[in-house]
PDB file of N, CA and C in Angstrom:
ATOM      1  N   MET A   1      23.382  14.357  23.341  1.00  0.00           N
ATOM      2  CA  MET A   1      23.871  15.667  23.699  1.00  0.00           C
ATOM      3  C   MET A   1      23.992  15.823  25.224  1.00  0.00           C
ATOM      4  N   GLN A   2      23.165  15.086  25.955  1.00  0.00           N
ATOM      5  CA  GLN A   2      23.203  15.208  27.408  1.00  0.00           C
ATOM      6  C   GLN A   2      24.539  14.754  27.978  1.00  0.00           C
ATOM      7  N   TRP A   3      25.228  13.836  27.315  1.00  0.00           N
ATOM      8  CA  TRP A   3      26.530  13.373  27.797  1.00  0.00           C
ATOM      9  C   TRP A   3      27.533  14.509  27.825  1.00  0.00           C
ATOM     10  N   ILE A   4      27.402  15.471  26.934  1.00  0.00           N
ATOM     11  CA  ILE A   4      28.289  16.639  26.952  1.00  0.00           C
ATOM     12  C   ILE A   4      28.043  17.436  28.232  1.00  0.00           C
ATOM     13  N   GLY A   5      26.791  17.530  28.626  1.00  0.00           N
ATOM     14  CA  GLY A   5      26.459  18.201  29.882  1.00  0.00           C
ATOM     15  C   GLY A   5      27.065  17.489  31.075  1.00  0.00           C
ATOM     16  N   TYR A   6      27.011  16.170  31.061  1.00  0.00           N
ATOM     17  CA  TYR A   6      27.605  15.408  32.163  1.00  0.00           C
ATOM     18  C   TYR A   6      29.128  15.511  32.160  1.00  0.00           C
ATOM     19  N   LEU A   7      29.739  15.610  30.992  1.00  0.00           N
ATOM     20  CA  LEU A   7      31.183  15.813  30.901  1.00  0.00           C
ATOM     21  C   LEU A   7      31.562  17.162  31.522  1.00  0.00           C
ATOM     22  N   GLY A   8      30.807  18.201  31.186  1.00  0.00           N
ATOM     23  CA  GLY A   8      31.041  19.518  31.784  1.00  0.00           C
ATOM     24  C   GLY A   8      30.795  19.511  33.277  1.00  0.00           C
ATOM     25  N   LEU A   9      29.762  18.807  33.703  1.00  0.00           N
ATOM     26  CA  LEU A   9      29.471  18.666  35.137  1.00  0.00           C
ATOM     27  C   LEU A   9      30.666  18.067  35.845  1.00  0.00           C
ATOM     28  N   ALA A  10      31.192  16.987  35.304  1.00  0.00           N
ATOM     29  CA  ALA A  10      32.325  16.314  35.937  1.00  0.00           C
ATOM     30  C   ALA A  10      33.540  17.233  36.015  1.00  0.00           C
ATOM     31  N   ALA A  11      33.835  17.922  34.929  1.00  0.00           N
ATOM     32  CA  ALA A  11      35.010  18.806  34.913  1.00  0.00           C
ATOM     33  C   ALA A  11      34.882  19.936  35.928  1.00  0.00           C
ATOM     34  N   LEU A  12      33.735  20.587  35.954  1.00  0.00           N
ATOM     35  CA  LEU A  12      33.558  21.716  36.881  1.00  0.00           C
ATOM     36  C   LEU A  12      33.465  21.270  38.332  1.00  0.00           C
ATOM     37  N   ALA A  13      32.832  20.149  38.568  1.00  0.00           N
ATOM     38  CA  ALA A  13      32.747  19.648  39.940  1.00  0.00           C
ATOM     39  C   ALA A  13      34.109  19.160  40.419  1.00  0.00           C
ATOM     40  N   LEU A  14      34.844  18.488  39.545  1.00  0.00           N
ATOM     41  CA  LEU A  14      36.158  17.962  39.913  1.00  0.00           C
ATOM     42  C   LEU A  14      37.189  19.058  40.152  1.00  0.00           C
ATOM     43  N   CYS A  15      37.005  20.219  39.544  1.00  0.00           N
ATOM     44  CA  CYS A  15      38.005  21.282  39.721  1.00  0.00           C
ATOM     45  C   CYS A  15      38.070  21.765  41.166  1.00  0.00           C
ATOM     46  N   TRP A  16      37.017  21.560  41.942  1.00  0.00           N
ATOM     47  CA  TRP A  16      37.043  21.964  43.356  1.00  0.00           C
ATOM     48  C   TRP A  16      37.804  20.967  44.219  1.00  0.00           C
ATOM     49  N   ILE A  17      37.975  19.741  43.741  1.00  0.00           N
ATOM     50  CA  ILE A  17      38.606  18.711  44.567  1.00  0.00           C
ATOM     51  C   ILE A  17      40.060  19.047  44.913  1.00  0.00           C
ATOM     52  N   PRO A  18      40.932  19.394  43.948  1.00  0.00           N
ATOM     53  CA  PRO A  18      42.312  19.709  44.328  1.00  0.00           C
ATOM     54  C   PRO A  18      42.408  20.900  45.284  1.00  0.00           C
ATOM     55  N   GLN A  19      41.582  21.908  45.044  1.00  0.00           N
ATOM     56  CA  GLN A  19      41.598  23.079  45.932  1.00  0.00           C
ATOM     57  C   GLN A  19      41.131  22.697  47.328  1.00  0.00           C
ATOM     58  N   SER A  20      40.087  21.904  47.408  1.00  0.00           N
ATOM     59  CA  SER A  20      39.562  21.502  48.711  1.00  0.00           C
ATOM     60  C   SER A  20      40.547  20.617  49.461  1.00  0.00           C
ATOM     61  N   ILE A  21      41.229  19.722  48.752  1.00  0.00           N
ATOM     62  CA  ILE A  21      42.246  18.878  49.396  1.00  0.00           C
ATOM     63  C   ILE A  21      43.378  19.742  49.936  1.00  0.00           C
ATOM     64  N   GLU A  22      43.835  20.695  49.131  1.00  0.00           N
ATOM     65  CA  GLU A  22      44.895  21.599  49.590  1.00  0.00           C
ATOM     66  C   GLU A  22      44.443  22.404  50.802  1.00  0.00           C
ATOM     67  N   THR A  23      43.215  22.889  50.764  1.00  0.00           N
ATOM     68  CA  THR A  23      42.662  23.663  51.874  1.00  0.00           C
ATOM     69  C   THR A  23      42.630  22.830  53.153  1.00  0.00           C
ATOM     70  N   ILE A  24      42.163  21.601  53.057  1.00  0.00           N
ATOM     71  CA  ILE A  24      42.090  20.734  54.234  1.00  0.00           C
ATOM     72  C   ILE A  24      43.482  20.428  54.765  1.00  0.00           C
ATOM     73  N   LYS A  25      44.427  20.132  53.869  1.00  0.00           N
ATOM     74  CA  LYS A  25      45.803  19.857  54.300  1.00  0.00           C
ATOM     75  C   LYS A  25      46.435  21.052  54.992  1.00  0.00           C
ATOM     76  N   LEU A  26      46.218  22.248  54.416  1.00  0.00           N
ATOM     77  CA  LEU A  26      46.786  23.463  55.002  1.00  0.00           C
ATOM     78  C   LEU A  26      46.061  23.883  56.279  1.00  0.00           C
ATOM     79  N   GLY A  27      44.776  23.539  56.344  1.00  0.00           N
ATOM     80  CA  GLY A  27      43.971  23.972  57.477  1.00  0.00           C
ATOM     81  C   GLY A  27      43.498  25.409  57.337  1.00  0.00           C
ATOM     82  N   ARG A  28      43.697  25.951  56.172  1.00  0.00           N
ATOM     83  CA  ARG A  28      43.248  27.313  55.858  1.00  0.00           C
ATOM     84  C   ARG A  28      43.065  27.400  54.349  1.00  0.00           C
ATOM     85  N   CYS A  29      42.331  28.392  53.922  1.00  0.00           N
ATOM     86  CA  CYS A  29      42.062  28.537  52.497  1.00  0.00           C
ATOM     87  C   CYS A  29      42.750  29.789  51.957  1.00  0.00           C
ATOM     88  N   PRO A  30      43.646  29.640  50.985  1.00  0.00           N
ATOM     89  CA  PRO A  30      44.346  30.784  50.427  1.00  0.00           C
ATOM     90  C   PRO A  30      43.550  31.550  49.362  1.00  0.00           C
ATOM     91  N   VAL A  31      42.366  31.060  49.007  1.00  0.00           N
ATOM     92  CA  VAL A  31      41.560  31.679  47.954  1.00  0.00           C
ATOM     93  C   VAL A  31      40.848  32.913  48.508  1.00  0.00           C
ATOM     94  N   ASN A  32      40.714  33.928  47.671  1.00  0.00           N
ATOM     95  CA  ASN A  32      40.062  35.176  48.042  1.00  0.00           C
ATOM     96  C   ASN A  32      38.628  34.927  48.532  1.00  0.00           C
ATOM     97  N   LEU A  33      38.286  35.503  49.685  1.00  0.00           N
ATOM     98  CA  LEU A  33      36.967  35.289  50.292  1.00  0.00           C
ATOM     99  C   LEU A  33      35.832  35.813  49.414  1.00  0.00           C
ATOM    100  N   VAL A  34      36.018  36.958  48.795  1.00  0.00           N
ATOM    101  CA  VAL A  34      34.956  37.509  47.934  1.00  0.00           C
ATOM    102  C   VAL A  34      34.677  36.551  46.774  1.00  0.00           C
ATOM    103  N   PHE A  35      35.728  35.997  46.199  1.00  0.00           N
ATOM    104  CA  PHE A  35      35.554  35.008  45.135  1.00  0.00           C
ATOM    105  C   PHE A  35      34.732  33.822  45.631  1.00  0.00           C
ATOM    106  N   LEU A  36      35.083  33.306  46.800  1.00  0.00           N
ATOM    107  CA  LEU A  36      34.381  32.153  47.355  1.00  0.00           C
ATOM    108  C   LEU A  36      32.911  32.463  47.631  1.00  0.00           C
ATOM    109  N   LEU A  37      32.654  33.638  48.195  1.00  0.00           N
ATOM    110  CA  LEU A  37      31.269  34.029  48.486  1.00  0.00           C
ATOM    111  C   LEU A  37      30.453  34.172  47.209  1.00  0.00           C
ATOM    112  N   LEU A  38      31.027  34.826  46.212  1.00  0.00           N
ATOM    113  CA  LEU A  38      30.305  34.993  44.945  1.00  0.00           C
ATOM    114  C   LEU A  38      30.111  33.651  44.237  1.00  0.00           C
ATOM    115  N   ALA A  39      31.122  32.791  44.285  1.00  0.00           N
ATOM    116  CA  ALA A  39      31.001  31.465  43.659  1.00  0.00           C
ATOM    117  C   ALA A  39      29.906  30.648  44.327  1.00  0.00           C
ATOM    118  N   SER A  40      29.858  30.681  45.661  1.00  0.00           N
ATOM    119  CA  SER A  40      28.836  29.893  46.357  1.00  0.00           C
ATOM    120  C   SER A  40      27.440  30.473  46.142  1.00  0.00           C
ATOM    121  N   LEU A  41      27.316  31.793  46.168  1.00  0.00           N
ATOM    122  CA  LEU A  41      26.014  32.421  45.918  1.00  0.00           C
ATOM    123  C   LEU A  41      25.546  32.135  44.495  1.00  0.00           C
ATOM    124  N   GLY A  42      26.455  32.288  43.547  1.00  0.00           N
ATOM    125  CA  GLY A  42      26.099  32.042  42.147  1.00  0.00           C
ATOM    126  C   GLY A  42      25.712  30.604  41.892  1.00  0.00           C
ATOM    127  N   SER A  43      26.496  29.667  42.384  1.00  0.00           N
ATOM    128  CA  SER A  43      26.182  28.260  42.121  1.00  0.00           C
ATOM    129  C   SER A  43      24.941  27.805  42.880  1.00  0.00           C
ATOM    130  N   PHE A  44      24.720  28.343  44.085  1.00  0.00           N
ATOM    131  CA  PHE A  44      23.504  27.996  44.819  1.00  0.00           C
ATOM    132  C   PHE A  44      22.265  28.527  44.097  1.00  0.00           C
ATOM    133  N   SER A  45      22.343  29.766  43.628  1.00  0.00           N
ATOM    134  CA  SER A  45      21.226  30.358  42.883  1.00  0.00           C
ATOM    135  C   SER A  45      20.943  29.569  41.608  1.00  0.00           C
ATOM    136  N   LEU A  46      22.008  29.180  40.914  1.00  0.00           N
ATOM    137  CA  LEU A  46      21.826  28.395  39.696  1.00  0.00           C
ATOM    138  C   LEU A  46      21.295  26.992  39.988  1.00  0.00           C
ATOM    139  N   ALA A  47      21.640  26.430  41.140  1.00  0.00           N
ATOM    140  CA  ALA A  47      21.099  25.126  41.515  1.00  0.00           C
ATOM    141  C   ALA A  47      19.585  25.210  41.700  1.00  0.00           C
ATOM    142  N   ILE A  48      19.140  26.255  42.364  1.00  0.00           N
ATOM    143  CA  ILE A  48      17.698  26.443  42.562  1.00  0.00           C
ATOM    144  C   ILE A  48      16.997  26.616  41.215  1.00  0.00           C
ATOM    145  N   TYR A  49      17.595  27.433  40.365  1.00  0.00           N
ATOM    146  CA  TYR A  49      17.018  27.680  39.040  1.00  0.00           C
ATOM    147  C   TYR A  49      16.973  26.387  38.213  1.00  0.00           C
ATOM    148  N   ALA A  50      18.078  25.647  38.197  1.00  0.00           N
ATOM    149  CA  ALA A  50      18.127  24.401  37.428  1.00  0.00           C
ATOM    150  C   ALA A  50      17.124  23.385  37.962  1.00  0.00           C
ATOM    151  N   PHE A  51      16.975  23.336  39.286  1.00  0.00           N
ATOM    152  CA  PHE A  51      15.995  22.434  39.885  1.00  0.00           C
ATOM    153  C   PHE A  51      14.579  22.804  39.434  1.00  0.00           C
ATOM    154  N   SER A  52      14.299  24.108  39.398  1.00  0.00           N
ATOM    155  CA  SER A  52      12.964  24.553  38.980  1.00  0.00           C
ATOM    156  C   SER A  52      12.682  24.206  37.520  1.00  0.00           C
ATOM    157  N   LEU A  53      13.736  24.102  36.716  1.00  0.00           N
ATOM    158  CA  LEU A  53      13.582  23.711  35.316  1.00  0.00           C
ATOM    159  C   LEU A  53      13.543  22.197  35.132  1.00  0.00           C
ATOM    160  N   GLY A  54      13.869  21.464  36.204  1.00  0.00           N
ATOM    161  CA  GLY A  54      13.912  20.010  36.111  1.00  0.00           C
ATOM    162  C   GLY A  54      15.147  19.506  35.375  1.00  0.00           C
ATOM    163  N   ASP A  55      16.241  20.260  35.447  1.00  0.00           N
ATOM    164  CA  ASP A  55      17.472  19.903  34.746  1.00  0.00           C
ATOM    165  C   ASP A  55      18.441  19.230  35.713  1.00  0.00           C
ATOM    166  N   PRO A  56      18.560  17.891  35.655  1.00  0.00           N
ATOM    167  CA  PRO A  56      19.408  17.194  36.625  1.00  0.00           C
ATOM    168  C   PRO A  56      20.894  17.508  36.470  1.00  0.00           C
ATOM    169  N   VAL A  57      21.368  17.719  35.241  1.00  0.00           N
ATOM    170  CA  VAL A  57      22.788  17.987  35.023  1.00  0.00           C
ATOM    171  C   VAL A  57      23.210  19.256  35.758  1.00  0.00           C
ATOM    172  N   PHE A  58      22.512  20.341  35.522  1.00  0.00           N
ATOM    173  CA  PHE A  58      22.909  21.611  36.124  1.00  0.00           C
ATOM    174  C   PHE A  58      22.526  21.702  37.600  1.00  0.00           C
ATOM    175  N   THR A  59      21.515  20.961  38.010  1.00  0.00           N
ATOM    176  CA  THR A  59      21.192  20.917  39.434  1.00  0.00           C
ATOM    177  C   THR A  59      22.330  20.257  40.206  1.00  0.00           C
ATOM    178  N   ILE A  60      22.767  19.093  39.743  1.00  0.00           N
ATOM    179  CA  ILE A  60      23.858  18.376  40.409  1.00  0.00           C
ATOM    180  C   ILE A  60      25.143  19.185  40.364  1.00  0.00           C
ATOM    181  N   LEU A  61      25.466  19.718  39.210  1.00  0.00           N
ATOM    182  CA  LEU A  61      26.676  20.524  39.059  1.00  0.00           C
ATOM    183  C   LEU A  61      26.722  21.654  40.065  1.00  0.00           C
ATOM    184  N   ASN A  62      25.654  22.395  40.145  1.00  0.00           N
ATOM    185  CA  ASN A  62      25.661  23.575  41.008  1.00  0.00           C
ATOM    186  C   ASN A  62      25.574  23.223  42.489  1.00  0.00           C
ATOM    187  N   ILE A  63      24.972  22.116  42.829  1.00  0.00           N
ATOM    188  CA  ILE A  63      25.001  21.667  44.221  1.00  0.00           C
ATOM    189  C   ILE A  63      26.433  21.293  44.606  1.00  0.00           C
ATOM    190  N   LEU A  64      27.119  20.559  43.738  1.00  0.00           N
ATOM    191  CA  LEU A  64      28.496  20.153  44.036  1.00  0.00           C
ATOM    192  C   LEU A  64      29.446  21.352  44.112  1.00  0.00           C
ATOM    193  N   THR A  65      29.299  22.296  43.204  1.00  0.00           N
ATOM    194  CA  THR A  65      30.183  23.470  43.248  1.00  0.00           C
ATOM    195  C   THR A  65      29.862  24.352  44.453  1.00  0.00           C
ATOM    196  N   THR A  66      28.615  24.397  44.852  1.00  0.00           N
ATOM    197  CA  THR A  66      28.256  25.132  46.071  1.00  0.00           C
ATOM    198  C   THR A  66      28.930  24.498  47.278  1.00  0.00           C
ATOM    199  N   LEU A  67      28.888  23.175  47.360  1.00  0.00           N
ATOM    200  CA  LEU A  67      29.523  22.478  48.480  1.00  0.00           C
ATOM    201  C   LEU A  67      31.036  22.705  48.505  1.00  0.00           C
ATOM    202  N   GLY A  68      31.663  22.681  47.333  1.00  0.00           N
ATOM    203  CA  GLY A  68      33.097  22.946  47.261  1.00  0.00           C
ATOM    204  C   GLY A  68      33.440  24.340  47.750  1.00  0.00           C
ATOM    205  N   ALA A  69      32.663  25.307  47.326  1.00  0.00           N
ATOM    206  CA  ALA A  69      32.905  26.689  47.760  1.00  0.00           C
ATOM    207  C   ALA A  69      32.659  26.830  49.261  1.00  0.00           C
ATOM    208  N   LEU A  70      31.603  26.214  49.765  1.00  0.00           N
ATOM    209  CA  LEU A  70      31.291  26.329  51.196  1.00  0.00           C
ATOM    210  C   LEU A  70      32.368  25.688  52.069  1.00  0.00           C
ATOM    211  N   LEU A  71      32.919  24.582  51.635  1.00  0.00           N
ATOM    212  CA  LEU A  71      34.015  23.958  52.378  1.00  0.00           C
ATOM    213  C   LEU A  71      35.194  24.917  52.491  1.00  0.00           C
ATOM    214  N   ASN A  72      35.531  25.558  51.386  1.00  0.00           N
ATOM    215  CA  ASN A  72      36.648  26.497  51.382  1.00  0.00           C
ATOM    216  C   ASN A  72      36.336  27.758  52.184  1.00  0.00           C
ATOM    217  N   ILE A  73      35.089  28.195  52.165  1.00  0.00           N
ATOM    218  CA  ILE A  73      34.688  29.345  52.992  1.00  0.00           C
ATOM    219  C   ILE A  73      34.863  29.001  54.471  1.00  0.00           C
ATOM    220  N   PHE A  74      34.468  27.795  54.843  1.00  0.00           N
ATOM    221  CA  PHE A  74      34.605  27.385  56.238  1.00  0.00           C
ATOM    222  C   PHE A  74      36.053  27.524  56.703  1.00  0.00           C
ATOM    223  N   TYR A  75      36.985  26.987  55.918  1.00  0.00           N
ATOM    224  CA  TYR A  75      38.399  27.064  56.300  1.00  0.00           C
ATOM    225  C   TYR A  75      38.957  28.487  56.181  1.00  0.00           C
ATOM    226  N   LYS A  76      38.363  29.295  55.342  1.00  0.00           N
ATOM    227  CA  LYS A  76      38.784  30.692  55.236  1.00  0.00           C
ATOM    228  C   LYS A  76      38.387  31.445  56.495  1.00  0.00           C
ATOM    229  N   VAL A  77      37.174  31.213  56.969  1.00  0.00           N
ATOM    230  CA  VAL A  77      36.639  31.913  58.142  1.00  0.00           C
ATOM    231  C   VAL A  77      37.161  31.294  59.439  1.00  0.00           C
ATOM    232  N   PHE A  78      37.296  29.977  59.468  1.00  0.00           N
ATOM    233  CA  PHE A  78      37.757  29.266  60.663  1.00  0.00           C
ATOM    234  C   PHE A  78      39.012  28.445  60.362  1.00  0.00           C
ATOM    235  N   PRO A  79      40.145  29.105  60.139  1.00  0.00           N
ATOM    236  CA  PRO A  79      41.359  28.340  59.843  1.00  0.00           C
ATOM    237  C   PRO A  79      41.789  27.506  61.035  1.00  0.00           C
ATOM    238  N   ARG A  80      42.385  26.361  60.736  1.00  0.00           N
ATOM    239  CA  ARG A  80      42.906  25.499  61.785  1.00  0.00           C
ATOM    240  C   ARG A  80      44.126  26.180  62.371  1.00  0.00           C
ATOM    241  N   GLU A  81      44.229  26.152  63.672  1.00  0.00           N
ATOM    242  CA  GLU A  81      45.349  26.806  64.337  1.00  0.00           C
ATOM    243  C   GLU A  81      46.625  26.005  64.140  1.00  0.00           C
ATOM    244  N   ALA A  82      47.724  26.708  63.912  1.00  0.00           N
ATOM    245  CA  ALA A  82      49.019  26.048  63.739  1.00  0.00           C
ATOM    246  C   ALA A  82      49.446  25.395  65.045  1.00  0.00           C
ATOM    247  N   LYS A  83      50.105  24.248  64.916  1.00  0.00           N
ATOM    248  CA  LYS A  83      50.534  23.510  66.111  1.00  0.00           C
ATOM    249  C   LYS A  83      51.921  23.905  66.513  1.00  0.00           C
TER     250      LYS A  83
END
């Protein structure tokens, strides 16, 4: 049953990759800031909770999704200047 958890982990973690690549290429993030803030707060909180339970699947998942959201927040707050 744990493999299903890892499958979900991969899908949810991978969904941030296309958005993050687009954000880096554009030098700015088109995603709503409130969404990004809530996503990062939620996934960070869940990472702490999952860690306290000793659940590696959800700990890894939420750390990766937190990082994806934080990368996009960075470009939202500090967009690269157009050349």
